[in-house]
């Protein structure tokens, strides 16, 4: 989840628990301290982001850091900071990027695919909970009413309750969308793998990805019952030379919906691309590892980007 959302959740938790707001905002964002890995490039960032700092085993240690920073030494502050760190892990678990929650015992990426990395409905609800007490205070001042000291806490409870109800409803919607994909055959046979990916703007719209042997089918789902099948795309298949390069190795360990493309270039080289269909489509790719092969099939250059970019950019 984006850091604005994490920060606002930390603020709401501070208002409910009566803890230092700055301390709780830091706690709710602290697992993303691994963002410093980006200083060494996108491949290193992809390799380490949402790794050990996002693991359950690290949460009790991370919770100590905000306490030390704000010089708080009581158990209630520690429990609140731990809850803030865990809120970060839970929100990251719900979205399509995923989280390696079980490190160092398992490097498996866990992702519920319920929400996008940025969810505008969660963000809007949290922002409203921040603004509402201030707006009600202005209205109260105009009519001479006494200020409601519990307004911030009440709106914080409302925002966190909305977040819980919203996430549970998204979970059921995701299960419904996946069941629609698995209930039928594709290209005359059962799919090898299906995924229902959320639409950022509509809780009722989902993008279905159906993987078969050498092909992928897209499907647009509008709950509760409507599903429209899109185009079928055919995968070029894995390239062993590209898979020996670091960008492809790191990306392959992250990739949950792999799709390969191969394209001959005018200069005689071949461009090989590995996509993750959670982020974009074969026509409009998102996360992409790219390699350029010479005429003998040897890798001349390889690159990873959070979007389709030429090698070497």
Protein backbone atom coordinates (compact mmCIF):
# COMPACT_ATOMS: atom_id res chain seq x y z
CA UNK A 1 0.00 0.00 0.00
CA UNK A 2 1.15 3.57 -0.60
CA UNK A 3 2.81 5.48 2.23
CA UNK A 4 0.12 8.15 2.45
CA UNK A 5 -2.39 5.43 3.31
CA UNK A 6 0.00 3.86 5.82
CA UNK A 7 0.54 7.27 7.43
CA UNK A 8 -3.18 7.99 7.73
CA UNK A 9 -3.84 4.57 9.25
CA UNK A 10 -1.10 5.31 11.79
CA UNK A 11 -2.73 8.66 12.58
CA UNK A 12 -6.14 7.01 13.08
CA UNK A 13 -4.58 4.41 15.39
CA UNK A 14 -2.91 7.21 17.38
CA UNK A 15 -6.24 8.96 17.89
CA UNK A 16 -7.90 5.75 19.05
CA UNK A 17 -5.07 4.74 21.38
CA UNK A 18 -4.19 8.28 22.55
CA UNK A 19 -0.55 7.76 21.58
CA UNK A 20 1.85 10.26 20.05
CA UNK A 21 0.65 10.79 16.49
CA UNK A 22 4.14 11.22 15.00
CA UNK A 23 5.33 8.04 16.72
CA UNK A 24 2.43 6.05 15.31
CA UNK A 25 2.90 7.42 11.80
CA UNK A 26 6.56 6.39 11.92
CA UNK A 27 5.59 2.91 13.19
CA UNK A 28 3.02 2.47 10.42
CA UNK A 29 5.65 3.31 7.76
CA UNK A 30 8.73 1.73 9.31
CA UNK A 31 8.79 -1.55 7.31
CA UNK A 32 9.38 0.54 4.19
CA UNK A 33 12.80 1.49 5.51
CA UNK A 34 14.03 -1.06 2.96
CA UNK A 35 13.37 1.57 0.30
CA UNK A 36 17.03 2.59 0.75
CA UNK A 37 17.88 -0.47 -1.38
CA UNK A 38 16.67 1.58 -4.34
CA UNK A 39 19.86 3.61 -4.15
CA UNK A 40 21.58 0.63 -5.77
CA UNK A 41 19.15 0.47 -8.68
CA UNK A 42 15.80 -1.03 -9.59
CA UNK A 43 16.97 -4.66 -9.56
CA UNK A 44 18.34 -4.39 -6.03
CA UNK A 45 15.17 -2.59 -4.94
CA UNK A 46 13.01 -5.37 -6.38
CA UNK A 47 15.20 -7.98 -4.68
CA UNK A 48 15.01 -6.51 -1.17
CA UNK A 49 11.79 -4.46 -1.01
CA UNK A 50 9.07 -6.05 1.11
CA UNK A 51 11.62 -8.54 2.35
CA UNK A 52 12.92 -9.03 5.87
CA UNK A 53 11.62 -5.68 7.18
CA UNK A 54 8.15 -6.86 6.12
CA UNK A 55 8.46 -10.24 7.84
CA UNK A 56 6.53 -11.13 10.98
CA UNK A 57 9.73 -12.08 12.79
CA UNK A 58 11.06 -8.52 12.43
CA UNK A 59 7.90 -6.73 13.63
CA UNK A 60 8.65 -6.90 17.41
CA UNK A 61 12.11 -5.40 16.80
CA UNK A 62 10.88 -2.67 14.44
CA UNK A 63 8.26 -1.66 17.02
CA UNK A 64 11.05 -0.66 19.42
CA UNK A 65 12.53 1.93 17.06
CA UNK A 66 9.70 4.52 17.19
CA UNK A 67 9.69 4.23 20.99
CA UNK A 68 13.41 4.98 21.12
CA UNK A 69 13.05 7.85 18.65
CA UNK A 70 10.29 9.52 20.69
CA UNK A 71 11.67 8.48 24.09
CA UNK A 72 8.63 6.52 25.16
CA UNK A 73 9.31 3.69 27.59
CA UNK A 74 5.98 2.14 28.57
CA UNK A 75 4.33 -1.08 27.45
CA UNK A 76 1.24 0.62 26.05
CA UNK A 77 3.42 2.57 23.62
CA UNK A 78 5.22 -0.60 22.57
CA UNK A 79 1.93 -2.44 21.94
CA UNK A 80 0.65 0.54 19.95
CA UNK A 81 3.84 0.69 17.86
CA UNK A 82 3.69 -3.05 17.24
CA UNK A 83 0.08 -2.64 16.07
CA UNK A 84 1.24 0.13 13.74
CA UNK A 85 3.96 -2.06 12.21
CA UNK A 86 1.52 -4.96 11.84
CA UNK A 87 -1.02 -2.67 10.15
CA UNK A 88 1.60 -2.02 7.47
CA UNK A 89 2.17 -5.75 6.92
CA UNK A 90 -1.55 -6.51 6.75
CA UNK A 91 -2.28 -3.76 4.23
CA UNK A 92 0.65 -4.84 2.03
CA UNK A 93 -0.57 -8.44 2.20
CA UNK A 94 -3.95 -7.49 0.76
CA UNK A 95 -2.66 -6.01 -2.50
CA UNK A 96 -1.29 -7.42 -5.73
CA UNK A 97 2.39 -6.62 -5.07
CA UNK A 98 2.51 -9.00 -2.12
CA UNK A 99 4.81 -9.48 0.84
CA UNK A 100 7.38 -12.02 2.04
CA UNK A 101 5.77 -12.39 5.43
CA UNK A 102 7.50 -15.63 6.45
CA UNK A 103 11.15 -14.73 5.91
CA UNK A 104 13.71 -16.09 6.76
CA UNK A 105 11.90 -19.45 6.89
CA UNK A 106 10.17 -19.07 3.52
CA UNK A 107 10.77 -16.59 0.69
CA UNK A 108 7.33 -17.18 -0.81
CA UNK A 109 5.46 -14.07 -1.87
CA UNK A 110 2.04 -13.87 -0.20
CA UNK A 111 -0.60 -11.69 -1.84
CA UNK A 112 -4.38 -11.68 -1.49
CA UNK A 113 -4.94 -9.62 -4.68
CA UNK A 114 -7.90 -7.84 -3.03
CA UNK A 115 -6.74 -4.28 -3.62
CA UNK A 116 -4.42 -2.32 -5.87
CA UNK A 117 -1.18 -0.91 -4.50
CA UNK A 118 -3.01 2.43 -4.28
CA UNK A 119 -6.70 2.18 -3.35
CA UNK A 120 -8.52 5.53 -3.76
CA UNK A 121 -11.54 4.44 -1.69
CA UNK A 122 -9.42 3.64 1.37
CA UNK A 123 -7.48 6.85 0.87
CA UNK A 124 -10.67 8.92 0.51
CA UNK A 125 -12.21 7.46 3.69
CA UNK A 126 -9.08 8.18 5.71
CA UNK A 127 -8.75 11.73 4.37
CA UNK A 128 -12.40 12.37 5.18
CA UNK A 129 -11.83 11.15 8.75
CA UNK A 130 -8.96 13.67 9.04
CA UNK A 131 -10.97 16.57 7.62
CA UNK A 132 -14.35 15.90 9.26
CA UNK A 133 -13.43 16.93 12.85
CA UNK A 134 -11.92 20.18 11.60
CA UNK A 135 -14.98 20.96 9.48
CA UNK A 136 -17.39 20.15 12.31
CA UNK A 137 -15.31 22.37 14.61
CA UNK A 138 -15.67 25.30 12.20
CA UNK A 139 -19.43 24.81 12.00
CA UNK A 140 -19.66 24.52 15.78
CA UNK A 141 -17.71 27.73 16.23
CA UNK A 142 -20.04 29.57 13.86
CA UNK A 143 -23.15 28.59 15.84
CA UNK A 144 -21.52 28.91 19.24
CA UNK A 145 -21.62 25.18 20.07
CA UNK A 146 -19.14 23.63 22.45
CA UNK A 147 -16.26 21.83 20.79
CA UNK A 148 -16.53 18.05 20.73
CA UNK A 149 -13.27 16.76 22.18
CA UNK A 150 -14.13 13.20 21.17
CA UNK A 151 -14.78 14.01 17.50
CA UNK A 152 -11.31 13.01 16.29
CA UNK A 153 -11.46 9.73 18.16
CA UNK A 154 -14.96 9.01 16.87
CA UNK A 155 -14.00 9.66 13.26
CA UNK A 156 -10.87 7.53 13.71
CA UNK A 157 -13.01 4.62 14.90
CA UNK A 158 -15.32 5.16 11.90
CA UNK A 159 -12.40 5.18 9.44
CA UNK A 160 -10.81 2.03 10.86
CA UNK A 161 -14.21 0.29 10.91
CA UNK A 162 -14.75 1.23 7.27
CA UNK A 163 -11.30 -0.12 6.41
CA UNK A 164 -12.09 -3.48 8.04
CA UNK A 165 -15.53 -3.79 6.39
CA UNK A 166 -14.15 -2.69 3.02
CA UNK A 167 -11.30 -5.22 3.09
CA UNK A 168 -13.62 -8.08 4.07
CA UNK A 169 -16.02 -7.16 1.25
CA UNK A 170 -13.11 -7.06 -1.21
CA UNK A 171 -12.04 -10.52 -0.04
CA UNK A 172 -15.47 -11.98 -0.83
CA UNK A 173 -15.61 -10.10 -4.14
CA UNK A 174 -12.21 -11.50 -5.11
CA UNK A 175 -13.29 -15.05 -4.27
CA UNK A 176 -16.45 -14.57 -6.39
CA UNK A 177 -14.42 -13.26 -9.36
CA UNK A 178 -11.96 -16.17 -9.16
CA UNK A 179 -14.78 -18.71 -8.92
CA UNK A 180 -16.28 -17.30 -12.13
CA UNK A 181 -12.94 -17.82 -13.88
CA UNK A 182 -12.53 -21.42 -12.70
CA UNK A 183 -16.13 -22.42 -13.44
CA UNK A 184 -15.60 -22.69 -17.20
CA UNK A 185 -13.11 -23.97 -19.75
CA UNK A 186 -10.79 -21.77 -21.79
CA UNK A 187 -9.70 -22.72 -25.31
CA UNK A 188 -11.53 -26.02 -24.77
CA UNK A 189 -9.73 -27.02 -21.57
CA UNK A 190 -9.41 -26.10 -17.91
CA UNK A 191 -6.99 -23.31 -17.12
CA UNK A 192 -3.63 -24.10 -15.52
CA UNK A 193 -3.86 -20.97 -13.38
CA UNK A 194 -6.32 -18.09 -12.94
CA UNK A 195 -6.04 -14.75 -11.19
CA UNK A 196 -8.60 -12.05 -10.49
CA UNK A 197 -6.94 -8.64 -10.24
CA UNK A 198 -8.66 -5.58 -8.76
CA UNK A 199 -9.75 -2.50 -10.63
CA UNK A 200 -8.43 0.54 -8.77
CA UNK A 201 -11.58 2.60 -9.35
CA UNK A 202 -14.41 0.08 -9.01
CA UNK A 203 -14.82 -2.63 -6.35
CA UNK A 204 -17.13 -4.47 -8.75
CA UNK A 205 -14.73 -4.65 -11.70
CA UNK A 206 -11.91 -7.19 -11.90
CA UNK A 207 -9.38 -8.16 -14.56
CA UNK A 208 -9.17 -11.90 -15.07
CA UNK A 209 -5.92 -13.53 -16.22
CA UNK A 210 -6.21 -17.15 -17.38
CA UNK A 211 -2.98 -19.03 -18.02
CA UNK A 212 -2.84 -22.18 -20.11
CA UNK A 213 -0.07 -24.13 -21.83
CA UNK A 214 1.67 -21.44 -23.87
CA UNK A 215 -1.18 -18.93 -23.89
CA UNK A 216 -2.96 -16.41 -21.70
CA UNK A 217 -6.53 -15.12 -21.92
CA UNK A 218 -7.81 -11.83 -20.51
CA UNK A 219 -11.33 -11.48 -19.15
CA UNK A 220 -13.19 -8.44 -17.81
CA UNK A 221 -15.43 -9.26 -14.86
CA UNK A 222 -18.27 -7.09 -13.58
CA UNK A 223 -19.76 -8.54 -10.43
CA UNK A 224 -21.98 -10.22 -9.58
CA UNK A 225 -22.37 -12.23 -12.82
CA UNK A 226 -21.06 -10.50 -15.96
CA UNK A 227 -17.84 -11.66 -17.61
CA UNK A 228 -16.47 -10.67 -21.02
CA UNK A 229 -13.66 -12.69 -22.58
CA UNK A 230 -10.87 -10.69 -24.16
CA UNK A 231 -8.11 -11.59 -26.58
CA UNK A 232 -5.86 -14.64 -26.36
CA UNK A 233 -2.11 -14.01 -26.35
CA UNK A 234 0.56 -16.66 -26.92
CA UNK A 235 3.73 -16.82 -24.87
CA UNK A 236 7.13 -17.15 -26.55
CA UNK A 237 8.34 -19.47 -23.78
CA UNK A 238 11.28 -19.05 -21.37
CA UNK A 239 14.69 -18.08 -22.69
CA UNK A 240 17.48 -19.89 -20.84
CA UNK A 241 20.19 -17.36 -21.74
CA UNK A 242 18.15 -14.45 -20.39
CA UNK A 243 17.30 -16.39 -17.22
CA UNK A 244 21.00 -16.58 -16.36
CA UNK A 245 21.23 -12.79 -15.99
CA UNK A 246 20.66 -11.08 -12.66
CA UNK A 247 17.66 -8.93 -13.73
CA UNK A 248 15.78 -12.00 -14.95
CA UNK A 249 16.73 -14.11 -11.93
CA UNK A 250 15.54 -11.48 -9.45
CA UNK A 251 12.41 -10.73 -11.43
CA UNK A 252 11.56 -14.43 -11.86
CA UNK A 253 11.61 -14.96 -8.09
CA UNK A 254 9.11 -12.08 -7.75
CA UNK A 255 6.96 -12.80 -10.82
CA UNK A 256 3.60 -14.47 -10.12
CA UNK A 257 2.02 -14.32 -13.59
CA UNK A 258 4.92 -14.70 -16.06
CA UNK A 259 4.51 -14.06 -19.78
CA UNK A 260 7.32 -14.15 -22.35
CA UNK A 261 7.66 -12.10 -25.53
CA UNK A 262 10.27 -12.33 -28.29
CA UNK A 263 10.82 -9.83 -31.08
CA UNK A 264 13.38 -9.83 -33.91
CA UNK A 265 15.08 -6.46 -34.37
CA UNK A 266 16.21 -4.87 -37.69
CA UNK A 267 19.89 -5.13 -36.69
CA UNK A 268 19.65 -8.93 -36.39
CA UNK A 269 19.43 -9.04 -32.60
CA UNK A 270 16.47 -10.47 -30.72
CA UNK A 271 14.70 -8.70 -27.85
CA UNK A 272 13.32 -11.01 -25.18
CA UNK A 273 10.91 -9.71 -22.55
CA UNK A 274 9.50 -11.24 -19.38
CA UNK A 275 6.33 -9.61 -18.03
CA UNK A 276 4.35 -10.00 -14.83
CA UNK A 277 0.70 -9.82 -15.85
CA UNK A 278 -0.35 -8.53 -12.45
CA UNK A 279 1.06 -5.21 -13.68
CA UNK A 280 -0.22 -4.54 -17.16
CA UNK A 281 -1.00 -6.72 -20.15
CA UNK A 282 1.01 -8.14 -23.09
CA UNK A 283 -0.12 -5.13 -25.12
CA UNK A 284 0.53 -2.57 -22.36
CA UNK A 285 3.14 -4.12 -20.04
CA UNK A 286 4.13 -2.87 -16.62
CA UNK A 287 7.00 -4.59 -14.76
CA UNK A 288 9.36 -5.85 -17.48
CA UNK A 289 12.72 -7.61 -17.68
CA UNK A 290 14.31 -7.21 -21.09
CA UNK A 291 17.32 -8.84 -22.71
CA UNK A 292 18.95 -8.28 -26.09
CA UNK A 293 20.43 -11.42 -27.70
CA UNK A 294 22.94 -11.47 -30.51
CA UNK A 295 22.59 -13.69 -33.57
CA UNK A 296 24.17 -16.60 -31.67
CA UNK A 297 21.63 -16.25 -28.85
CA UNK A 298 24.07 -14.77 -26.33
CA UNK A 299 22.93 -11.93 -24.06
CA UNK A 300 24.39 -8.54 -25.01
CA UNK A 301 22.50 -6.53 -22.37
CA UNK A 302 19.71 -7.06 -19.84
CA UNK A 303 17.60 -4.69 -17.83
CA UNK A 304 14.62 -4.50 -15.47
CA UNK A 305 12.19 -1.59 -15.25
CA UNK A 306 8.83 -0.82 -13.67
CA UNK A 307 7.53 -0.34 -17.19
CA UNK A 308 8.63 -1.15 -20.72
CA UNK A 309 11.85 0.76 -21.40
CA UNK A 310 14.67 0.17 -23.90
CA UNK A 311 17.65 -1.77 -22.57
CA UNK A 312 20.33 0.53 -21.21
CA UNK A 313 17.94 3.31 -20.18
